Protein backbone atom coordinates (compact mmCIF):
# COMPACT_ATOMS: atom_id res chain seq x y z
CA MET A 1 -239.69 227.07 -37.23
CA PRO A 2 -236.66 228.05 -35.07
CA THR A 3 -234.91 231.29 -36.00
CA GLY A 4 -231.62 229.47 -36.59
CA THR A 5 -233.25 227.15 -39.13
CA ILE A 6 -234.79 230.09 -41.00
CA LEU A 7 -231.45 231.90 -41.14
CA LYS A 8 -229.73 228.80 -42.54
CA MET A 9 -232.36 228.61 -45.30
CA PHE A 10 -231.55 232.14 -46.48
CA PHE A 11 -227.89 232.24 -45.42
CA PRO A 12 -226.57 228.67 -45.64
CA PRO A 13 -223.26 228.06 -43.83
CA ARG A 14 -220.17 228.22 -45.99
CA CYS A 15 -216.68 226.82 -45.74
CA PRO A 16 -214.52 229.57 -44.22
CA PHE A 17 -211.70 228.95 -46.70
CA CYS A 18 -213.18 228.27 -50.15
CA ARG A 19 -216.59 229.80 -49.23
CA LYS A 20 -218.57 227.00 -50.87
CA ILE A 21 -221.93 226.15 -49.28
CA LEU A 22 -221.53 223.30 -46.80
CA LYS A 23 -223.52 220.26 -47.92
CA GLY A 24 -221.96 217.62 -45.71
CA PHE A 25 -219.61 214.82 -46.74
CA PRO A 26 -218.60 211.36 -45.52
CA VAL A 27 -215.74 211.84 -43.07
CA GLU A 28 -213.01 209.22 -43.41
CA ASP A 29 -210.15 208.73 -40.98
CA GLY A 30 -206.90 210.22 -42.20
CA THR A 31 -208.54 213.03 -44.17
CA TYR A 32 -208.70 215.52 -41.31
CA PRO A 33 -206.61 216.54 -38.27
CA VAL A 34 -206.69 213.96 -35.47
CA TRP A 35 -207.76 216.61 -32.95
CA ALA A 36 -210.86 217.62 -34.91
CA LYS A 37 -214.33 216.50 -33.86
CA LYS A 38 -215.15 213.96 -36.54
CA GLU A 39 -218.93 214.29 -36.27
CA ALA A 40 -218.79 218.10 -36.44
CA ILE A 41 -216.28 218.60 -39.27
CA PRO A 42 -218.94 218.77 -42.05
CA GLU A 43 -220.63 221.60 -40.12
CA VAL A 44 -217.44 223.69 -40.29
CA LEU A 45 -215.50 222.70 -43.42
CA CYS A 46 -216.05 221.31 -46.90
CA GLY A 47 -214.49 217.94 -47.70
CA ARG A 48 -211.69 219.34 -49.85
CA CYS A 49 -210.54 221.89 -47.29
CA ALA A 50 -210.73 219.37 -44.46
CA SER A 51 -208.22 217.17 -46.27
CA GLU A 52 -206.05 219.71 -48.11
CA LEU A 53 -205.56 222.76 -45.88
CA PRO A 54 -202.03 223.30 -44.47
CA TRP A 55 -202.78 221.95 -40.99
CA LEU A 56 -199.86 222.10 -38.60
CA LYS A 57 -198.51 218.71 -37.57
CA ASP A 58 -199.11 217.31 -34.11
CA ASP A 59 -195.41 217.36 -33.23
CA CYS A 60 -195.06 221.14 -33.41
CA CYS A 61 -192.95 223.00 -30.89
CA PRO A 62 -195.16 223.29 -27.78
CA ARG A 63 -193.56 226.62 -26.90
CA CYS A 64 -194.04 228.62 -30.10
CA GLY A 65 -196.34 226.41 -32.24
CA ARG A 66 -193.93 226.23 -35.18
CA GLU A 67 -193.29 222.96 -37.02
CA LEU A 68 -190.02 221.37 -35.92
CA ASP A 69 -187.14 220.68 -38.28
CA GLY A 70 -185.95 217.16 -39.12
CA LYS A 71 -183.89 217.04 -35.92
CA GLY A 72 -186.82 218.00 -33.70
CA ILE A 73 -185.23 221.37 -32.90
CA CYS A 74 -186.95 224.76 -32.92
CA SER A 75 -185.22 228.13 -33.22
CA CYS A 76 -187.45 229.56 -30.48
CA ARG A 77 -185.06 228.17 -27.87
CA GLU A 78 -183.06 231.34 -28.52
CA GLU A 79 -186.08 233.56 -27.76
CA LYS A 80 -187.03 234.74 -24.28
CA TYR A 81 -190.79 234.70 -24.72
CA ALA A 82 -192.97 235.74 -21.77
CA PHE A 83 -195.51 233.07 -22.77
CA GLU A 84 -194.99 229.38 -22.05
CA ASN A 85 -196.89 227.54 -24.78
CA CYS A 86 -198.52 228.18 -28.13
CA CYS A 87 -201.39 226.41 -29.89
CA ALA A 88 -201.74 227.02 -33.63
CA VAL A 89 -204.05 225.30 -36.12
CA SER A 90 -202.61 226.00 -39.55
CA ARG A 91 -199.72 227.48 -41.48
CA TYR A 92 -200.29 231.06 -42.60
CA THR A 93 -200.45 230.48 -46.33
CA GLY A 94 -202.81 230.15 -49.29
CA GLU A 95 -206.52 230.02 -48.52
CA VAL A 96 -205.87 230.33 -44.79
CA ARG A 97 -204.05 233.62 -45.30
CA GLU A 98 -206.87 234.86 -47.53
CA ALA A 99 -209.58 233.86 -45.04
CA LEU A 100 -207.82 235.62 -42.17
CA ARG A 101 -207.35 238.74 -44.29
CA PHE A 102 -211.09 238.84 -45.01
CA PHE A 103 -211.85 238.17 -41.34
CA LYS A 104 -209.59 240.96 -40.17
CA TYR A 105 -210.13 243.71 -42.73
CA HIS A 106 -213.33 243.03 -44.68
CA GLN A 107 -216.09 242.72 -42.08
CA LYS A 108 -216.39 238.92 -42.45
CA LYS A 109 -217.23 238.49 -38.77
CA TRP A 110 -219.09 235.22 -39.45
CA LEU A 111 -215.67 233.58 -39.89
CA ALA A 112 -215.13 233.79 -36.12
CA GLU A 113 -217.39 230.80 -35.48
CA PRO A 114 -215.78 228.16 -37.72
CA LEU A 115 -212.25 229.41 -37.03
CA GLY A 116 -212.93 229.61 -33.30
CA LYS A 117 -214.34 226.08 -33.23
CA LEU A 118 -211.31 224.65 -35.00
CA LEU A 119 -208.99 226.50 -32.62
CA SER A 120 -210.96 225.21 -29.62
CA TRP A 121 -210.77 221.61 -30.82
CA LYS A 122 -207.00 221.83 -31.24
CA LEU A 123 -206.61 223.55 -27.87
CA THR A 124 -208.55 220.96 -25.90
CA SER A 125 -206.35 218.18 -27.32
CA LEU A 126 -203.23 219.62 -25.66
CA ASN A 127 -202.16 218.52 -22.19
CA TRP A 128 -200.70 221.89 -21.22
CA ALA A 129 -204.04 223.61 -21.90
CA ARG A 130 -205.83 221.75 -19.11
CA SER A 131 -204.67 224.25 -16.48
CA ILE A 132 -205.98 227.32 -18.33
CA GLU A 133 -208.44 229.31 -16.21
CA ALA A 134 -209.61 232.01 -18.65
CA VAL A 135 -208.96 233.51 -22.09
CA VAL A 136 -207.89 237.06 -22.96
CA PRO A 137 -208.10 238.51 -26.50
CA ILE A 138 -205.24 240.64 -27.82
CA PRO A 139 -206.78 244.14 -27.83
CA LEU A 140 -206.74 246.88 -30.45
CA THR A 141 -206.15 250.55 -29.72
CA PRO A 142 -209.38 252.58 -29.39
CA ARG A 143 -208.63 254.35 -32.67
CA ARG A 144 -208.10 251.14 -34.61
CA LEU A 145 -211.14 249.51 -33.01
CA ALA A 146 -213.31 252.49 -33.98
CA ALA A 147 -212.03 252.40 -37.56
CA ARG A 148 -212.53 248.65 -37.99
CA GLY A 149 -215.69 248.34 -35.91
CA TYR A 150 -214.67 245.08 -34.22
CA ASN A 151 -211.68 243.20 -32.85
CA GLN A 152 -211.20 239.88 -34.63
CA ALA A 153 -209.27 238.47 -31.66
CA ALA A 154 -212.17 239.27 -29.34
CA LEU A 155 -214.60 237.49 -31.68
CA LEU A 156 -212.35 234.42 -31.71
CA ALA A 157 -212.02 234.53 -27.92
CA GLU A 158 -215.80 234.62 -27.57
CA ILE A 159 -216.15 231.39 -29.58
CA VAL A 160 -213.25 229.71 -27.76
CA GLY A 161 -214.84 230.64 -24.45
CA LYS A 162 -218.19 229.25 -25.56
CA GLU A 163 -216.69 225.99 -26.85
CA THR A 164 -214.43 225.36 -23.85
CA GLY A 165 -216.51 226.85 -21.05
CA LEU A 166 -213.69 229.22 -20.12
CA PRO A 167 -214.51 232.82 -19.12
CA VAL A 168 -213.34 235.65 -21.38
CA LEU A 169 -211.56 238.44 -19.52
CA ASP A 170 -211.38 242.09 -20.56
CA VAL A 171 -208.30 242.98 -18.51
CA LEU A 172 -205.79 243.93 -21.20
CA GLU A 173 -205.59 247.25 -23.03
CA ARG A 174 -203.42 248.51 -25.85
CA VAL A 175 -201.95 251.82 -24.75
CA LYS A 176 -199.46 252.45 -27.55
CA GLU A 177 -200.52 253.39 -31.07
CA THR A 178 -198.10 251.19 -33.01
CA GLU A 179 -197.33 251.36 -36.71
CA SER A 180 -198.58 248.62 -39.01
CA GLN A 181 -196.30 245.59 -38.73
CA THR A 182 -196.71 244.65 -42.40
CA GLY A 183 -193.34 244.63 -44.12
CA MET A 184 -191.36 245.20 -40.92
CA LYS A 185 -188.23 243.22 -40.16
CA ARG A 186 -188.09 241.05 -37.05
CA GLU A 187 -186.13 243.56 -34.94
CA GLU A 188 -188.41 246.40 -36.04
CA ARG A 189 -191.51 244.48 -34.95
CA TRP A 190 -190.12 243.90 -31.45
CA LYS A 191 -189.11 247.54 -31.04
CA ASN A 192 -192.44 248.75 -32.42
CA LEU A 193 -194.41 246.79 -29.79
CA GLN A 194 -192.39 247.50 -26.66
CA GLY A 195 -194.71 248.77 -23.92
CA ALA A 196 -197.78 248.46 -26.15
CA PHE A 197 -200.01 246.74 -23.56
CA ARG A 198 -201.14 247.31 -19.99
CA CYS A 199 -203.17 245.16 -17.60
CA ARG A 200 -206.08 247.01 -16.00
CA GLU A 201 -205.91 244.96 -12.82
CA ARG A 202 -203.25 243.96 -10.31
CA GLY A 203 -202.71 240.96 -8.06
CA GLN A 204 -201.95 237.36 -9.01
CA LYS A 205 -205.57 236.28 -9.45
CA TYR A 206 -204.97 233.59 -12.07
CA GLY A 207 -202.45 230.80 -12.33
CA HIS A 208 -202.67 230.33 -16.12
CA LEU A 209 -204.26 232.61 -18.73
CA LEU A 210 -204.58 232.12 -22.49
CA LEU A 211 -204.05 234.93 -25.00
CA ILE A 212 -206.11 234.69 -28.20
CA ASP A 213 -205.14 236.18 -31.56
CA ASP A 214 -205.62 235.33 -35.23
CA ILE A 215 -201.95 235.05 -36.27
CA LEU A 216 -198.54 234.67 -34.66
CA THR A 217 -195.47 235.60 -36.73
CA THR A 218 -192.42 236.71 -34.76
CA GLY A 219 -194.21 236.40 -31.41
CA ALA A 220 -193.55 240.04 -30.51
CA THR A 221 -197.21 240.94 -29.98
CA ALA A 222 -197.91 237.88 -27.85
CA HIS A 223 -194.72 238.43 -25.85
CA GLU A 224 -195.56 242.02 -24.97
CA ALA A 225 -199.16 241.13 -24.10
CA ALA A 226 -197.97 238.23 -21.94
CA CYS A 227 -195.55 240.57 -20.13
CA ALA A 228 -198.44 242.89 -19.28
CA LEU A 229 -200.59 240.02 -17.97
CA ARG A 230 -197.77 238.61 -15.88
CA ASN A 231 -197.11 242.05 -14.43
CA GLY A 232 -200.81 242.26 -13.61
CA VAL A 233 -202.96 239.24 -12.84
CA ALA A 234 -201.35 236.05 -14.19
CA GLY A 235 -198.65 233.72 -12.98
CA ARG A 236 -198.38 231.96 -16.35
CA VAL A 237 -199.51 232.90 -19.87
CA SER A 238 -199.90 230.80 -23.02
CA VAL A 239 -201.09 231.69 -26.52
CA ALA A 240 -203.60 230.28 -29.02
CA VAL A 241 -203.76 231.51 -32.61
CA PHE A 242 -205.33 230.18 -35.76
CA ALA A 243 -202.29 230.50 -38.00
CA ARG A 244 -198.55 230.39 -37.50
């Protein structure tokens, strides 16, 4: 019996959001995001979560990933982001928020696979993503990486790379020990992250790189990381996150 089959017998796959054991369900059109792989949804989500999670709409702002207002206008037009586009799967609320908290702080590394697959499916449905040449995870500082034991963005990037066939690059480093962003105001977040990243290499080797992270809030982290990549090896940078 294959090792994978044995593992599933003792550790059956669970829904990343409600953590119920996945037993499969009949997938009906209209009960899941249009970008999702219909035949593979029951392998990643339970039926309830597939239909009820706060998926972002398809007409989100292509630049920052936020849902547009009733007039089709996004406030990001006032921001000077160093990244061009953003792909996000879900709103950062409810069970999604809880799942990402467990993924990030409670050693639930198995969540990388279902979350990474969903992010990959959304990404490959976007026209602007076709020119991406490689993915780059947002790095942690050495101290924070040692304390946590893993980088959740790197785990997501590994799955995205596997699903899309894109190489994963380790060219970005976090050189500034920033304070926790939790509870910070918008201006404080931007100031806190200035100069936080550095690209290990130089020379415009890539036309379009994709940053991977779990969450995007103000965009300050992604902006600073994109600045470092553009000063190093990339002509263009976009971002993919699970939640927005």
